[in-house]
Amino acid sequence: MGHRPGRSSGELEIVNQPLIDARDAVLEEKAKAVPVGKKVDDLIYPLSEIRRRDRGEGSETTNRIDQRAVGLKKEAAESEAIGSRRTIARLKADVTAAEESTWASSFPSAS
């Protein structure tokens, strides 16, 4: 594969609709991933507070139940975040394929 345009400043890049669509899909998925990451972060604080309470006074049974419930929510959010990262990786591969296809169709003798 030869050098592809658009990889450094000062070069023009040839784009087509499939490439634009592939890049848009990556951006949309990244936008969806932000709230998922925030959800994980939001659950870390209550979990640490419950663990802190467990070291002090209070109802151990209630704290264990709370910790388990928050822990399950955190695990679900982390699983969702992993799914988002996998989707983003797949979509980035689609962008690379679209870039290569655009390059190959624009400069058939260079491929």
C-alpha atoms as a PDB file:
ATOM      1  CA  MET A   1       0.000   0.000   0.000  1.00  0.00           C
ATOM      2  CA  GLY A   2       1.359   3.416  -0.932  1.00  0.00           C
ATOM      3  CA  HIS A   3       1.195   6.595   1.071  1.00  0.00           C
ATOM      4  CA  ARG A   4      -2.393   7.696   1.638  1.00  0.00           C
ATOM      5  CA  PRO A   5      -3.283  11.386   1.419  1.00  0.00           C
ATOM      6  CA  GLY A   6      -4.681  13.101   4.479  1.00  0.00           C
ATOM      7  CA  ARG A   7      -2.180  11.604   6.894  1.00  0.00           C
ATOM      8  CA  SER A   8      -0.034  14.724   7.296  1.00  0.00           C
ATOM      9  CA  SER A   9      -0.595  18.451   7.063  1.00  0.00           C
ATOM     10  CA  GLY A  10      -0.354  20.175   3.730  1.00  0.00           C
ATOM     11  CA  GLU A  11      -1.876  17.331   1.731  1.00  0.00           C
ATOM     12  CA  LEU A  12      -5.274  17.071   0.153  1.00  0.00           C
ATOM     13  CA  GLU A  13      -7.479  14.156   1.014  1.00  0.00           C
ATOM     14  CA  ILE A  14      -9.887  12.496  -1.344  1.00  0.00           C
ATOM     15  CA  VAL A  15     -13.091  11.495   0.407  1.00  0.00           C
ATOM     16  CA  ASN A  16     -16.292   9.837  -0.672  1.00  0.00           C
ATOM     17  CA  GLN A  17     -19.619   9.197   1.010  1.00  0.00           C
ATOM     18  CA  PRO A  18     -18.704   5.756   2.432  1.00  0.00           C
ATOM     19  CA  LEU A  19     -15.620   7.288   4.089  1.00  0.00           C
ATOM     20  CA  ILE A  20     -17.653  10.179   5.495  1.00  0.00           C
ATOM     21  CA  ASP A  21     -20.297   7.738   6.768  1.00  0.00           C
ATOM     22  CA  ALA A  22     -17.644   5.519   8.388  1.00  0.00           C
ATOM     23  CA  ARG A  23     -16.052   8.474  10.166  1.00  0.00           C
ATOM     24  CA  ASP A  24     -19.456   9.754  11.293  1.00  0.00           C
ATOM     25  CA  ALA A  25     -20.258   6.319  12.745  1.00  0.00           C
ATOM     26  CA  VAL A  26     -17.061   6.442  14.842  1.00  0.00           C
ATOM     27  CA  LEU A  27     -17.922   9.909  16.150  1.00  0.00           C
ATOM     28  CA  GLU A  28     -21.505   8.877  16.978  1.00  0.00           C
ATOM     29  CA  GLU A  29     -20.332   5.794  18.874  1.00  0.00           C
ATOM     30  CA  LYS A  30     -17.737   7.821  20.784  1.00  0.00           C
ATOM     31  CA  ALA A  31     -20.491  10.268  21.758  1.00  0.00           C
ATOM     32  CA  LYS A  32     -22.557   7.350  23.096  1.00  0.00           C
ATOM     33  CA  ALA A  33     -19.551   6.034  25.039  1.00  0.00           C
ATOM     34  CA  VAL A  34     -19.080   9.235  27.065  1.00  0.00           C
ATOM     35  CA  PRO A  35     -22.218   8.765  29.212  1.00  0.00           C
ATOM     36  CA  VAL A  36     -21.330   5.081  29.677  1.00  0.00           C
ATOM     37  CA  GLY A  37     -17.909   6.017  31.045  1.00  0.00           C
ATOM     38  CA  LYS A  38     -19.520   8.621  33.281  1.00  0.00           C
ATOM     39  CA  LYS A  39     -21.945   5.999  34.593  1.00  0.00           C
ATOM     40  CA  VAL A  40     -18.997   3.809  35.630  1.00  0.00           C
ATOM     41  CA  ASP A  41     -17.304   6.774  37.312  1.00  0.00           C
ATOM     42  CA  ASP A  42     -20.536   7.748  39.077  1.00  0.00           C
ATOM     43  CA  LEU A  43     -20.819   4.252  40.556  1.00  0.00           C
ATOM     44  CA  ILE A  44     -17.231   4.131  41.794  1.00  0.00           C
ATOM     45  CA  TYR A  45     -17.819   6.898  44.364  1.00  0.00           C
ATOM     46  CA  PRO A  46     -20.840   5.309  46.121  1.00  0.00           C
ATOM     47  CA  LEU A  47     -19.041   1.984  46.150  1.00  0.00           C
ATOM     48  CA  SER A  48     -15.996   3.522  47.840  1.00  0.00           C
ATOM     49  CA  GLU A  49     -18.277   5.308  50.341  1.00  0.00           C
ATOM     50  CA  ILE A  50     -19.989   2.023  51.219  1.00  0.00           C
ATOM     51  CA  ARG A  51     -16.620   0.353  51.693  1.00  0.00           C
ATOM     52  CA  ARG A  52     -15.514   3.262  53.903  1.00  0.00           C
ATOM     53  CA  ARG A  53     -18.679   2.855  56.013  1.00  0.00           C
ATOM     54  CA  ASP A  54     -17.975  -0.879  56.313  1.00  0.00           C
ATOM     55  CA  ARG A  55     -14.724  -0.054  58.067  1.00  0.00           C
ATOM     56  CA  GLY A  56     -16.572   2.174  60.533  1.00  0.00           C
ATOM     57  CA  GLU A  57     -19.780   1.780  62.464  1.00  0.00           C
ATOM     58  CA  GLY A  58     -23.122   0.964  60.930  1.00  0.00           C
ATOM     59  CA  SER A  59     -25.214  -1.933  59.810  1.00  0.00           C
ATOM     60  CA  GLU A  60     -22.880  -4.413  58.144  1.00  0.00           C
ATOM     61  CA  THR A  61     -25.783  -6.290  56.556  1.00  0.00           C
ATOM     62  CA  THR A  62     -27.198  -3.154  54.945  1.00  0.00           C
ATOM     63  CA  ASN A  63     -23.743  -2.068  53.804  1.00  0.00           C
ATOM     64  CA  ARG A  64     -23.061  -5.479  52.233  1.00  0.00           C
ATOM     65  CA  ILE A  65     -26.399  -5.377  50.401  1.00  0.00           C
ATOM     66  CA  ASP A  66     -25.751  -1.798  49.229  1.00  0.00           C
ATOM     67  CA  GLN A  67     -22.221  -2.699  48.164  1.00  0.00           C
ATOM     68  CA  ARG A  68     -23.454  -5.715  46.201  1.00  0.00           C
ATOM     69  CA  ALA A  69     -26.180  -3.691  44.445  1.00  0.00           C
ATOM     70  CA  VAL A  70     -23.808  -0.877  43.494  1.00  0.00           C
ATOM     71  CA  GLY A  71     -21.164  -3.429  42.506  1.00  0.00           C
ATOM     72  CA  LEU A  72     -23.590  -5.152  40.134  1.00  0.00           C
ATOM     73  CA  LYS A  73     -24.553  -1.828  38.553  1.00  0.00           C
ATOM     74  CA  LYS A  74     -20.863  -0.961  38.163  1.00  0.00           C
ATOM     75  CA  GLU A  75     -20.143  -4.336  36.526  1.00  0.00           C
ATOM     76  CA  ALA A  76     -23.022  -3.814  34.089  1.00  0.00           C
ATOM     77  CA  ALA A  77     -21.792  -0.314  33.230  1.00  0.00           C
ATOM     78  CA  GLU A  78     -18.223  -1.582  32.755  1.00  0.00           C
ATOM     79  CA  SER A  79     -19.507  -4.340  30.476  1.00  0.00           C
ATOM     80  CA  GLU A  80     -21.397  -1.742  28.448  1.00  0.00           C
ATOM     81  CA  ALA A  81     -18.227   0.377  28.243  1.00  0.00           C
ATOM     82  CA  ILE A  82     -16.243  -2.608  26.963  1.00  0.00           C
ATOM     83  CA  GLY A  83     -18.906  -3.185  24.318  1.00  0.00           C
ATOM     84  CA  SER A  84     -18.640   0.460  23.265  1.00  0.00           C
ATOM     85  CA  ARG A  85     -14.853   0.219  22.990  1.00  0.00           C
ATOM     86  CA  ARG A  86     -15.172  -2.896  20.826  1.00  0.00           C
ATOM     87  CA  THR A  87     -17.734  -1.193  18.595  1.00  0.00           C
ATOM     88  CA  ILE A  88     -15.491   1.862  18.236  1.00  0.00           C
ATOM     89  CA  ALA A  89     -12.527  -0.360  17.315  1.00  0.00           C
ATOM     90  CA  ARG A  90     -14.630  -2.121  14.665  1.00  0.00           C
ATOM     91  CA  LEU A  91     -15.867   1.193  13.289  1.00  0.00           C
ATOM     92  CA  LYS A  92     -12.305   2.532  13.143  1.00  0.00           C
ATOM     93  CA  ALA A  93     -11.369  -0.545  11.109  1.00  0.00           C
ATOM     94  CA  ASP A  94     -14.260   0.337   8.782  1.00  0.00           C
ATOM     95  CA  VAL A  95     -12.801   3.851   8.415  1.00  0.00           C
ATOM     96  CA  THR A  96      -9.398   2.397   7.517  1.00  0.00           C
ATOM     97  CA  ALA A  97     -11.012   0.106   4.948  1.00  0.00           C
ATOM     98  CA  ALA A  98     -12.985   3.023   3.486  1.00  0.00           C
ATOM     99  CA  GLU A  99      -9.810   5.130   3.311  1.00  0.00           C
ATOM    100  CA  GLU A 100      -7.958   2.344   1.524  1.00  0.00           C
ATOM    101  CA  SER A 101     -10.860   1.773  -0.847  1.00  0.00           C
ATOM    102  CA  THR A 102     -11.072   5.485  -1.636  1.00  0.00           C
ATOM    103  CA  TRP A 103      -7.312   5.626  -2.217  1.00  0.00           C
ATOM    104  CA  ALA A 104      -7.345   2.517  -4.421  1.00  0.00           C
ATOM    105  CA  SER A 105     -10.276   3.708  -6.527  1.00  0.00           C
ATOM    106  CA  SER A 106      -8.777   7.190  -6.923  1.00  0.00           C
ATOM    107  CA  PHE A 107      -5.288   5.995  -7.838  1.00  0.00           C
ATOM    108  CA  PRO A 108      -5.622   2.451  -9.265  1.00  0.00           C
ATOM    109  CA  SER A 109      -1.999   2.212 -10.419  1.00  0.00           C
ATOM    110  CA  ALA A 110      -0.631   3.204  -6.969  1.00  0.00           C
ATOM    111  CA  SER A 111      -2.173   0.257  -5.079  1.00  0.00           C
END
